[in-house]
Amino acid sequence: MPNPSRKTYFNWSSGKDSALALYRLRQEGIYDIRTLVTTVNKSLERVSMHGLREALLDLQARSLGFPLYKIYLPDTATMSVYDEVMDKAVRELKAEGHDYAAFGDIFLEDLRQYREEKLSGIGVQAVFPLWKNNSRELMEEFISSGFKAITVCVNARILGEGFCGREVDRDFLDALPAHVDPCGENGEFHTFVYDGPLFRTPVRFDIGENVRRTYGDAQDGSSAWDNAFWYCDLKPL
């Protein structure tokens, strides 16, 4: 049984790393996971970065059997605005008794340091169940455990449109270019998990069109920044 003294909220992206990290924590039974926390673009009503419709996020959380705490962000949030919104949310979660926050991060040192520094100031301890694991082995574990996922966002500078809206299986892994992390940990791609050992029932959806969006000043893709992405618009049934 989970330790009730380790009340934990899970930072849920709606994707594969989150699903596998949550699965491991549930199996270990050390932390008492009480709620999923997801950042949502307020104006677009979509999961931040992933571009997933908020309605599908709701269905996903319902199938997983967890309450969902949404943190709404403005369409163009600066880092200072992001920090302010997140600080308020974490303090609310802390006040509800959550002393731990779990993440699906794997090896981005600067991101882990950022999370730990922000949380420690509020008295919340960060937990990283996938930290420093081999990316290919994690994906093999994800697939062999019975999880099902589809790509909903890919970095257009790194992967072509053909990788967007594609089922995440071993054929997908084998097709990835050698320089792409198998877990997409560098932001190469993002996924939506719709079924697996944590789910009561599969989340049903239709696959819509792929849309290419470019952010920032350079609309022709000439910027040195990763600012062009392909999104697959999934629609709940």
C-alpha atoms as a PDB file:
ATOM      1  CA  MET A   1       0.000   0.000   0.000  1.00  0.00           C
ATOM      2  CA  PRO A   2       1.241   3.533  -0.749  1.00  0.00           C
ATOM      3  CA  ASN A   3       2.625   5.440   2.210  1.00  0.00           C
ATOM      4  CA  PRO A   4      -0.089   7.991   3.167  1.00  0.00           C
ATOM      5  CA  SER A   5       2.594  10.217   4.706  1.00  0.00           C
ATOM      6  CA  ARG A   6       4.058  10.719   1.213  1.00  0.00           C
ATOM      7  CA  LYS A   7       1.150  12.467  -0.452  1.00  0.00           C
ATOM      8  CA  THR A   8       2.265  13.208  -4.003  1.00  0.00           C
ATOM      9  CA  TYR A   9       0.997  15.032  -7.045  1.00  0.00           C
ATOM     10  CA  PHE A  10       2.127  13.864 -10.450  1.00  0.00           C
ATOM     11  CA  ASN A  11       3.101  16.327 -13.180  1.00  0.00           C
ATOM     12  CA  TRP A  12       1.151  14.773 -16.030  1.00  0.00           C
ATOM     13  CA  SER A  13       1.996  15.676 -19.622  1.00  0.00           C
ATOM     14  CA  SER A  14      -0.516  13.207 -21.150  1.00  0.00           C
ATOM     15  CA  GLY A  15       2.408  11.423 -22.852  1.00  0.00           C
ATOM     16  CA  LYS A  16       4.476   8.267 -22.638  1.00  0.00           C
ATOM     17  CA  ASP A  17       7.176   9.346 -20.146  1.00  0.00           C
ATOM     18  CA  SER A  18       4.524  10.442 -17.679  1.00  0.00           C
ATOM     19  CA  ALA A  19       2.616   7.194 -18.130  1.00  0.00           C
ATOM     20  CA  LEU A  20       5.666   5.008 -17.556  1.00  0.00           C
ATOM     21  CA  ALA A  21       6.846   7.054 -14.572  1.00  0.00           C
ATOM     22  CA  LEU A  22       3.372   6.877 -12.995  1.00  0.00           C
ATOM     23  CA  TYR A  23       3.236   3.132 -13.685  1.00  0.00           C
ATOM     24  CA  ARG A  24       6.544   2.587 -11.896  1.00  0.00           C
ATOM     25  CA  LEU A  25       5.505   4.652  -8.903  1.00  0.00           C
ATOM     26  CA  ARG A  26       2.241   2.728  -8.610  1.00  0.00           C
ATOM     27  CA  GLN A  27       4.148  -0.556  -8.719  1.00  0.00           C
ATOM     28  CA  GLU A  28       6.702   0.553  -6.125  1.00  0.00           C
ATOM     29  CA  GLY A  29       4.010   1.795  -3.752  1.00  0.00           C
ATOM     30  CA  ILE A  30       6.315   4.230  -1.939  1.00  0.00           C
ATOM     31  CA  TYR A  31       4.489   7.442  -2.842  1.00  0.00           C
ATOM     32  CA  ASP A  32       0.783   8.074  -2.435  1.00  0.00           C
ATOM     33  CA  ILE A  33      -0.217   9.592  -5.775  1.00  0.00           C
ATOM     34  CA  ARG A  34      -3.362  11.653  -5.228  1.00  0.00           C
ATOM     35  CA  THR A  35      -3.759  13.885  -8.276  1.00  0.00           C
ATOM     36  CA  LEU A  36      -2.478  14.630 -11.765  1.00  0.00           C
ATOM     37  CA  VAL A  37      -1.310  18.156 -12.560  1.00  0.00           C
ATOM     38  CA  THR A  38      -1.247  19.446 -16.142  1.00  0.00           C
ATOM     39  CA  THR A  39      -0.547  22.851 -17.681  1.00  0.00           C
ATOM     40  CA  VAL A  40      -3.128  23.919 -20.251  1.00  0.00           C
ATOM     41  CA  ASN A  41      -3.132  26.769 -22.757  1.00  0.00           C
ATOM     42  CA  LYS A  42      -6.155  28.743 -21.574  1.00  0.00           C
ATOM     43  CA  SER A  43      -7.169  30.350 -24.867  1.00  0.00           C
ATOM     44  CA  LEU A  44      -6.613  27.268 -27.039  1.00  0.00           C
ATOM     45  CA  GLU A  45      -7.926  24.768 -24.457  1.00  0.00           C
ATOM     46  CA  ARG A  46      -5.065  22.420 -25.248  1.00  0.00           C
ATOM     47  CA  VAL A  47      -2.287  20.772 -23.258  1.00  0.00           C
ATOM     48  CA  SER A  48       0.844  22.926 -23.269  1.00  0.00           C
ATOM     49  CA  MET A  49       3.500  21.786 -25.783  1.00  0.00           C
ATOM     50  CA  HIS A  50       1.548  18.684 -26.820  1.00  0.00           C
ATOM     51  CA  GLY A  51      -1.346  20.551 -28.425  1.00  0.00           C
ATOM     52  CA  LEU A  52      -3.784  17.896 -27.180  1.00  0.00           C
ATOM     53  CA  ARG A  53      -7.418  18.944 -26.783  1.00  0.00           C
ATOM     54  CA  GLU A  54      -8.391  19.555 -23.170  1.00  0.00           C
ATOM     55  CA  ALA A  55     -11.405  17.278 -23.627  1.00  0.00           C
ATOM     56  CA  LEU A  56      -9.105  14.320 -24.361  1.00  0.00           C
ATOM     57  CA  LEU A  57      -6.999  15.152 -21.308  1.00  0.00           C
ATOM     58  CA  ASP A  58     -10.184  14.994 -19.214  1.00  0.00           C
ATOM     59  CA  LEU A  59     -11.129  11.603 -20.671  1.00  0.00           C
ATOM     60  CA  GLN A  60      -7.623  10.309 -20.089  1.00  0.00           C
ATOM     61  CA  ALA A  61      -7.587  11.328 -16.416  1.00  0.00           C
ATOM     62  CA  ARG A  62     -11.040   9.812 -15.917  1.00  0.00           C
ATOM     63  CA  SER A  63      -9.902   6.483 -17.347  1.00  0.00           C
ATOM     64  CA  LEU A  64      -6.794   6.574 -15.137  1.00  0.00           C
ATOM     65  CA  GLY A  65      -8.994   7.214 -12.105  1.00  0.00           C
ATOM     66  CA  PHE A  66      -7.239  10.342 -10.853  1.00  0.00           C
ATOM     67  CA  PRO A  67      -8.535  13.839 -10.135  1.00  0.00           C
ATOM     68  CA  LEU A  68      -7.012  16.400 -12.482  1.00  0.00           C
ATOM     69  CA  TYR A  69      -5.624  19.746 -11.326  1.00  0.00           C
ATOM     70  CA  LYS A  70      -5.207  22.069 -14.309  1.00  0.00           C
ATOM     71  CA  ILE A  71      -2.822  25.003 -14.362  1.00  0.00           C
ATOM     72  CA  TYR A  72      -3.990  27.474 -17.003  1.00  0.00           C
ATOM     73  CA  LEU A  73      -1.352  29.509 -18.834  1.00  0.00           C
ATOM     74  CA  PRO A  74      -1.845  32.451 -21.218  1.00  0.00           C
ATOM     75  CA  ASP A  75      -1.174  31.905 -24.907  1.00  0.00           C
ATOM     76  CA  THR A  76       2.203  33.677 -24.824  1.00  0.00           C
ATOM     77  CA  ALA A  77       3.502  33.285 -21.285  1.00  0.00           C
ATOM     78  CA  THR A  78       6.886  34.810 -20.468  1.00  0.00           C
ATOM     79  CA  MET A  79       9.160  32.941 -18.071  1.00  0.00           C
ATOM     80  CA  SER A  80       8.293  35.347 -15.276  1.00  0.00           C
ATOM     81  CA  VAL A  81       4.564  34.818 -15.840  1.00  0.00           C
ATOM     82  CA  TYR A  82       5.090  31.062 -15.970  1.00  0.00           C
ATOM     83  CA  ASP A  83       7.016  31.111 -12.694  1.00  0.00           C
ATOM     84  CA  GLU A  84       4.341  33.221 -11.034  1.00  0.00           C
ATOM     85  CA  VAL A  85       1.482  30.949 -12.130  1.00  0.00           C
ATOM     86  CA  MET A  86       3.360  27.785 -11.182  1.00  0.00           C
ATOM     87  CA  ASP A  87       4.384  29.145  -7.797  1.00  0.00           C
ATOM     88  CA  LYS A  88       0.759  29.915  -6.928  1.00  0.00           C
ATOM     89  CA  ALA A  89      -0.385  26.456  -8.035  1.00  0.00           C
ATOM     90  CA  VAL A  90       2.331  24.575  -6.158  1.00  0.00           C
ATOM     91  CA  ARG A  91       1.602  26.520  -2.984  1.00  0.00           C
ATOM     92  CA  GLU A  92      -2.050  25.501  -3.280  1.00  0.00           C
ATOM     93  CA  LEU A  93      -1.061  21.866  -3.750  1.00  0.00           C
ATOM     94  CA  LYS A  94       1.318  22.081  -0.814  1.00  0.00           C
ATOM     95  CA  ALA A  95      -1.457  23.536   1.339  1.00  0.00           C
ATOM     96  CA  GLU A  96      -3.551  20.474   0.452  1.00  0.00           C
ATOM     97  CA  GLY A  97      -0.827  18.253   1.917  1.00  0.00           C
ATOM     98  CA  HIS A  98       1.214  17.344  -1.154  1.00  0.00           C
ATOM     99  CA  ASP A  99       4.816  17.168   0.053  1.00  0.00           C
ATOM    100  CA  TYR A 100       6.112  15.439  -3.079  1.00  0.00           C
ATOM    101  CA  ALA A 101       5.931  16.158  -6.806  1.00  0.00           C
ATOM    102  CA  ALA A 102       6.735  13.444  -9.370  1.00  0.00           C
ATOM    103  CA  PHE A 103       8.054  13.994 -12.894  1.00  0.00           C
ATOM    104  CA  GLY A 104       8.780  11.898 -15.978  1.00  0.00           C
ATOM    105  CA  ASP A 105      12.089  13.635 -16.778  1.00  0.00           C
ATOM    106  CA  ILE A 106      14.976  11.403 -17.840  1.00  0.00           C
ATOM    107  CA  PHE A 107      18.257  13.264 -18.296  1.00  0.00           C
ATOM    108  CA  LEU A 108      17.896  17.043 -18.756  1.00  0.00           C
ATOM    109  CA  GLU A 109      20.045  18.272 -15.872  1.00  0.00           C
ATOM    110  CA  ASP A 110      19.123  21.956 -16.140  1.00  0.00           C
ATOM    111  CA  LEU A 111      15.403  21.140 -16.103  1.00  0.00           C
ATOM    112  CA  ARG A 112      15.757  18.938 -13.040  1.00  0.00           C
ATOM    113  CA  GLN A 113      17.765  21.625 -11.235  1.00  0.00           C
ATOM    114  CA  TYR A 114      15.123  24.229 -12.111  1.00  0.00           C
ATOM    115  CA  ARG A 115      12.320  22.052 -10.783  1.00  0.00           C
ATOM    116  CA  GLU A 116      14.142  21.179  -7.564  1.00  0.00           C
ATOM    117  CA  GLU A 117      15.098  24.775  -6.828  1.00  0.00           C
ATOM    118  CA  LYS A 118      11.559  26.079  -7.350  1.00  0.00           C
ATOM    119  CA  LEU A 119       9.952  23.293  -5.314  1.00  0.00           C
ATOM    120  CA  SER A 120      12.408  23.326  -2.432  1.00  0.00           C
ATOM    121  CA  GLY A 121      11.535  26.951  -1.708  1.00  0.00           C
ATOM    122  CA  ILE A 122       7.945  25.847  -1.110  1.00  0.00           C
ATOM    123  CA  GLY A 123       8.844  22.724   0.860  1.00  0.00           C
ATOM    124  CA  VAL A 124       8.014  20.181  -1.844  1.00  0.00           C
ATOM    125  CA  GLN A 125      10.422  17.379  -2.765  1.00  0.00           C
ATOM    126  CA  ALA A 126      10.811  16.363  -6.425  1.00  0.00           C
ATOM    127  CA  VAL A 127      10.740  12.681  -7.436  1.00  0.00           C
ATOM    128  CA  PHE A 128      12.172  11.370 -10.748  1.00  0.00           C
ATOM    129  CA  PRO A 129      11.446   7.638 -11.209  1.00  0.00           C
ATOM    130  CA  LEU A 130      12.936   7.462 -14.734  1.00  0.00           C
ATOM    131  CA  TRP A 131      16.060   9.498 -14.047  1.00  0.00           C
ATOM    132  CA  LYS A 132      19.175   8.447 -16.015  1.00  0.00           C
ATOM    133  CA  ASN A 133      17.523   5.328 -17.415  1.00  0.00           C
ATOM    134  CA  ASN A 134      18.423   4.275 -20.960  1.00  0.00           C
ATOM    135  CA  SER A 135      15.931   5.860 -23.388  1.00  0.00           C
ATOM    136  CA  ARG A 136      15.632   2.877 -25.722  1.00  0.00           C
ATOM    137  CA  GLU A 137      15.133   0.520 -22.786  1.00  0.00           C
ATOM    138  CA  LEU A 138      12.444   2.806 -21.381  1.00  0.00           C
ATOM    139  CA  MET A 139      10.582   2.724 -24.680  1.00  0.00           C
ATOM    140  CA  GLU A 140      10.882  -1.049 -24.850  1.00  0.00           C
ATOM    141  CA  GLU A 141       9.456  -1.236 -21.325  1.00  0.00           C
ATOM    142  CA  PHE A 142       6.654   1.153 -22.264  1.00  0.00           C
ATOM    143  CA  ILE A 143       5.627  -0.940 -25.268  1.00  0.00           C
ATOM    144  CA  SER A 144       6.061  -4.360 -23.650  1.00  0.00           C
ATOM    145  CA  SER A 145       4.001  -3.220 -20.634  1.00  0.00           C
ATOM    146  CA  GLY A 146       1.035  -2.775 -22.964  1.00  0.00           C
ATOM    147  CA  PHE A 147       0.814   0.999 -23.233  1.00  0.00           C
ATOM    148  CA  LYS A 148      -0.574   2.489 -26.440  1.00  0.00           C
ATOM    149  CA  ALA A 149       0.363   5.961 -27.659  1.00  0.00           C
ATOM    150  CA  ILE A 150       0.252   8.152 -30.742  1.00  0.00           C
ATOM    151  CA  THR A 151       2.476  11.098 -31.638  1.00  0.00           C
ATOM    152  CA  VAL A 152       0.640  14.423 -31.436  1.00  0.00           C
ATOM    153  CA  CYS A 153       3.519  16.858 -31.946  1.00  0.00           C
ATOM    154  CA  VAL A 154       6.880  16.597 -33.704  1.00  0.00           C
ATOM    155  CA  ASN A 155       9.665  19.111 -34.153  1.00  0.00           C
ATOM    156  CA  ALA A 156       9.547  19.948 -37.864  1.00  0.00           C
ATOM    157  CA  ARG A 157      13.276  20.714 -37.936  1.00  0.00           C
ATOM    158  CA  ILE A 158      14.115  17.198 -36.825  1.00  0.00           C
ATOM    159  CA  LEU A 159      11.293  14.920 -37.988  1.00  0.00           C
ATOM    160  CA  GLY A 160       9.035  15.031 -41.012  1.00  0.00           C
ATOM    161  CA  GLU A 161       5.264  15.161 -41.085  1.00  0.00           C
ATOM    162  CA  GLY A 162       5.180  11.390 -41.520  1.00  0.00           C
ATOM    163  CA  PHE A 163       6.126  10.953 -37.879  1.00  0.00           C
ATOM    164  CA  CYS A 164       3.133  13.000 -36.704  1.00  0.00           C
ATOM    165  CA  GLY A 165      -0.031  11.043 -35.894  1.00  0.00           C
ATOM    166  CA  ARG A 166       1.909   7.794 -35.886  1.00  0.00           C
ATOM    167  CA  GLU A 167       1.474   4.890 -33.482  1.00  0.00           C
ATOM    168  CA  VAL A 168       4.361   4.526 -31.037  1.00  0.00           C
ATOM    169  CA  ASP A 169       5.584   0.960 -31.514  1.00  0.00           C
ATOM    170  CA  ARG A 170       8.826  -0.801 -32.339  1.00  0.00           C
ATOM    171  CA  ASP A 171       8.501   0.098 -36.030  1.00  0.00           C
ATOM    172  CA  PHE A 172       8.285   3.747 -34.978  1.00  0.00           C
ATOM    173  CA  LEU A 173      11.403   3.415 -32.814  1.00  0.00           C
ATOM    174  CA  ASP A 174      13.336   1.712 -35.610  1.00  0.00           C
ATOM    175  CA  ALA A 175      12.353   4.467 -38.047  1.00  0.00           C
ATOM    176  CA  LEU A 176      13.692   7.293 -35.879  1.00  0.00           C
ATOM    177  CA  PRO A 177      16.920   8.897 -37.153  1.00  0.00           C
ATOM    178  CA  ALA A 178      20.004   7.969 -35.165  1.00  0.00           C
ATOM    179  CA  HIS A 179      20.361  11.468 -33.685  1.00  0.00           C
ATOM    180  CA  VAL A 180      16.823  11.443 -32.219  1.00  0.00           C
ATOM    181  CA  ASP A 181      16.405  10.310 -28.629  1.00  0.00           C
ATOM    182  CA  PRO A 182      14.050   7.280 -28.514  1.00  0.00           C
ATOM    183  CA  CYS A 183      12.006   9.018 -25.804  1.00  0.00           C
ATOM    184  CA  GLY A 184      12.060  12.388 -27.560  1.00  0.00           C
ATOM    185  CA  GLU A 185      13.631  13.800 -24.394  1.00  0.00           C
ATOM    186  CA  ASN A 186      15.101  16.743 -26.307  1.00  0.00           C
ATOM    187  CA  GLY A 187      11.662  17.781 -27.539  1.00  0.00           C
ATOM    188  CA  GLU A 188      11.833  15.876 -30.824  1.00  0.00           C
ATOM    189  CA  PHE A 189       8.291  14.549 -30.418  1.00  0.00           C
ATOM    190  CA  HIS A 190       5.402  14.384 -27.937  1.00  0.00           C
ATOM    191  CA  THR A 191       2.742  11.729 -27.507  1.00  0.00           C
ATOM    192  CA  PHE A 192      -0.760  10.995 -26.229  1.00  0.00           C
ATOM    193  CA  VAL A 193      -1.199   7.758 -24.272  1.00  0.00           C
ATOM    194  CA  TYR A 194      -4.673   6.334 -24.753  1.00  0.00           C
ATOM    195  CA  ASP A 195      -4.496   2.824 -23.292  1.00  0.00           C
ATOM    196  CA  GLY A 196      -2.388   0.583 -21.098  1.00  0.00           C
ATOM    197  CA  PRO A 197      -2.145  -1.153 -17.711  1.00  0.00           C
ATOM    198  CA  LEU A 198      -3.153   1.991 -15.788  1.00  0.00           C
ATOM    199  CA  PHE A 199      -6.303   2.605 -17.841  1.00  0.00           C
ATOM    200  CA  ARG A 200      -9.780   1.392 -16.933  1.00  0.00           C
ATOM    201  CA  THR A 201     -10.861   1.661 -20.572  1.00  0.00           C
ATOM    202  CA  PRO A 202      -9.113   2.952 -23.726  1.00  0.00           C
ATOM    203  CA  VAL A 203      -9.617   6.614 -24.605  1.00  0.00           C
ATOM    204  CA  ARG A 204     -11.441   6.720 -27.937  1.00  0.00           C
ATOM    205  CA  PHE A 205     -10.634   9.344 -30.563  1.00  0.00           C
ATOM    206  CA  ASP A 206     -10.533  10.152 -34.268  1.00  0.00           C
ATOM    207  CA  ILE A 207      -7.320  11.200 -35.961  1.00  0.00           C
ATOM    208  CA  GLY A 208      -7.722  14.604 -37.572  1.00  0.00           C
ATOM    209  CA  GLU A 209      -5.447  16.500 -39.916  1.00  0.00           C
ATOM    210  CA  ASN A 210      -1.804  17.378 -39.371  1.00  0.00           C
ATOM    211  CA  VAL A 211      -1.157  21.105 -38.972  1.00  0.00           C
ATOM    212  CA  ARG A 212       2.217  22.853 -39.195  1.00  0.00           C
ATOM    213  CA  ARG A 213       2.684  25.821 -36.892  1.00  0.00           C
ATOM    214  CA  THR A 214       5.597  28.226 -36.707  1.00  0.00           C
ATOM    215  CA  TYR A 215       6.304  30.352 -33.654  1.00  0.00           C
ATOM    216  CA  GLY A 216       8.409  33.475 -33.245  1.00  0.00           C
ATOM    217  CA  ASP A 217       9.420  36.099 -35.804  1.00  0.00           C
ATOM    218  CA  ALA A 218      10.843  33.888 -38.517  1.00  0.00           C
ATOM    219  CA  GLN A 219       7.873  32.567 -40.460  1.00  0.00           C
ATOM    220  CA  ASP A 220      10.084  31.085 -43.186  1.00  0.00           C
ATOM    221  CA  GLY A 221      11.811  28.698 -40.780  1.00  0.00           C
ATOM    222  CA  SER A 222      15.154  30.501 -41.072  1.00  0.00           C
ATOM    223  CA  SER A 223      15.506  31.065 -37.331  1.00  0.00           C
ATOM    224  CA  ALA A 224      18.150  29.125 -35.454  1.00  0.00           C
ATOM    225  CA  TRP A 225      15.529  28.270 -32.812  1.00  0.00           C
ATOM    226  CA  ASP A 226      13.255  25.238 -32.908  1.00  0.00           C
ATOM    227  CA  ASN A 227      10.103  27.108 -33.793  1.00  0.00           C
ATOM    228  CA  ALA A 228       8.271  24.903 -36.304  1.00  0.00           C
ATOM    229  CA  PHE A 229       6.138  21.931 -35.270  1.00  0.00           C
ATOM    230  CA  TRP A 230       3.704  19.461 -36.780  1.00  0.00           C
ATOM    231  CA  TYR A 231       0.575  18.807 -34.697  1.00  0.00           C
ATOM    232  CA  CYS A 232      -1.897  15.978 -35.159  1.00  0.00           C
ATOM    233  CA  ASP A 233      -5.367  17.091 -34.133  1.00  0.00           C
ATOM    234  CA  LEU A 234      -7.003  14.223 -32.256  1.00  0.00           C
ATOM    235  CA  LYS A 235     -10.753  14.517 -31.709  1.00  0.00           C
ATOM    236  CA  PRO A 236     -12.607  12.800 -28.843  1.00  0.00           C
ATOM    237  CA  LEU A 237     -15.409  10.385 -29.721  1.00  0.00           C
END
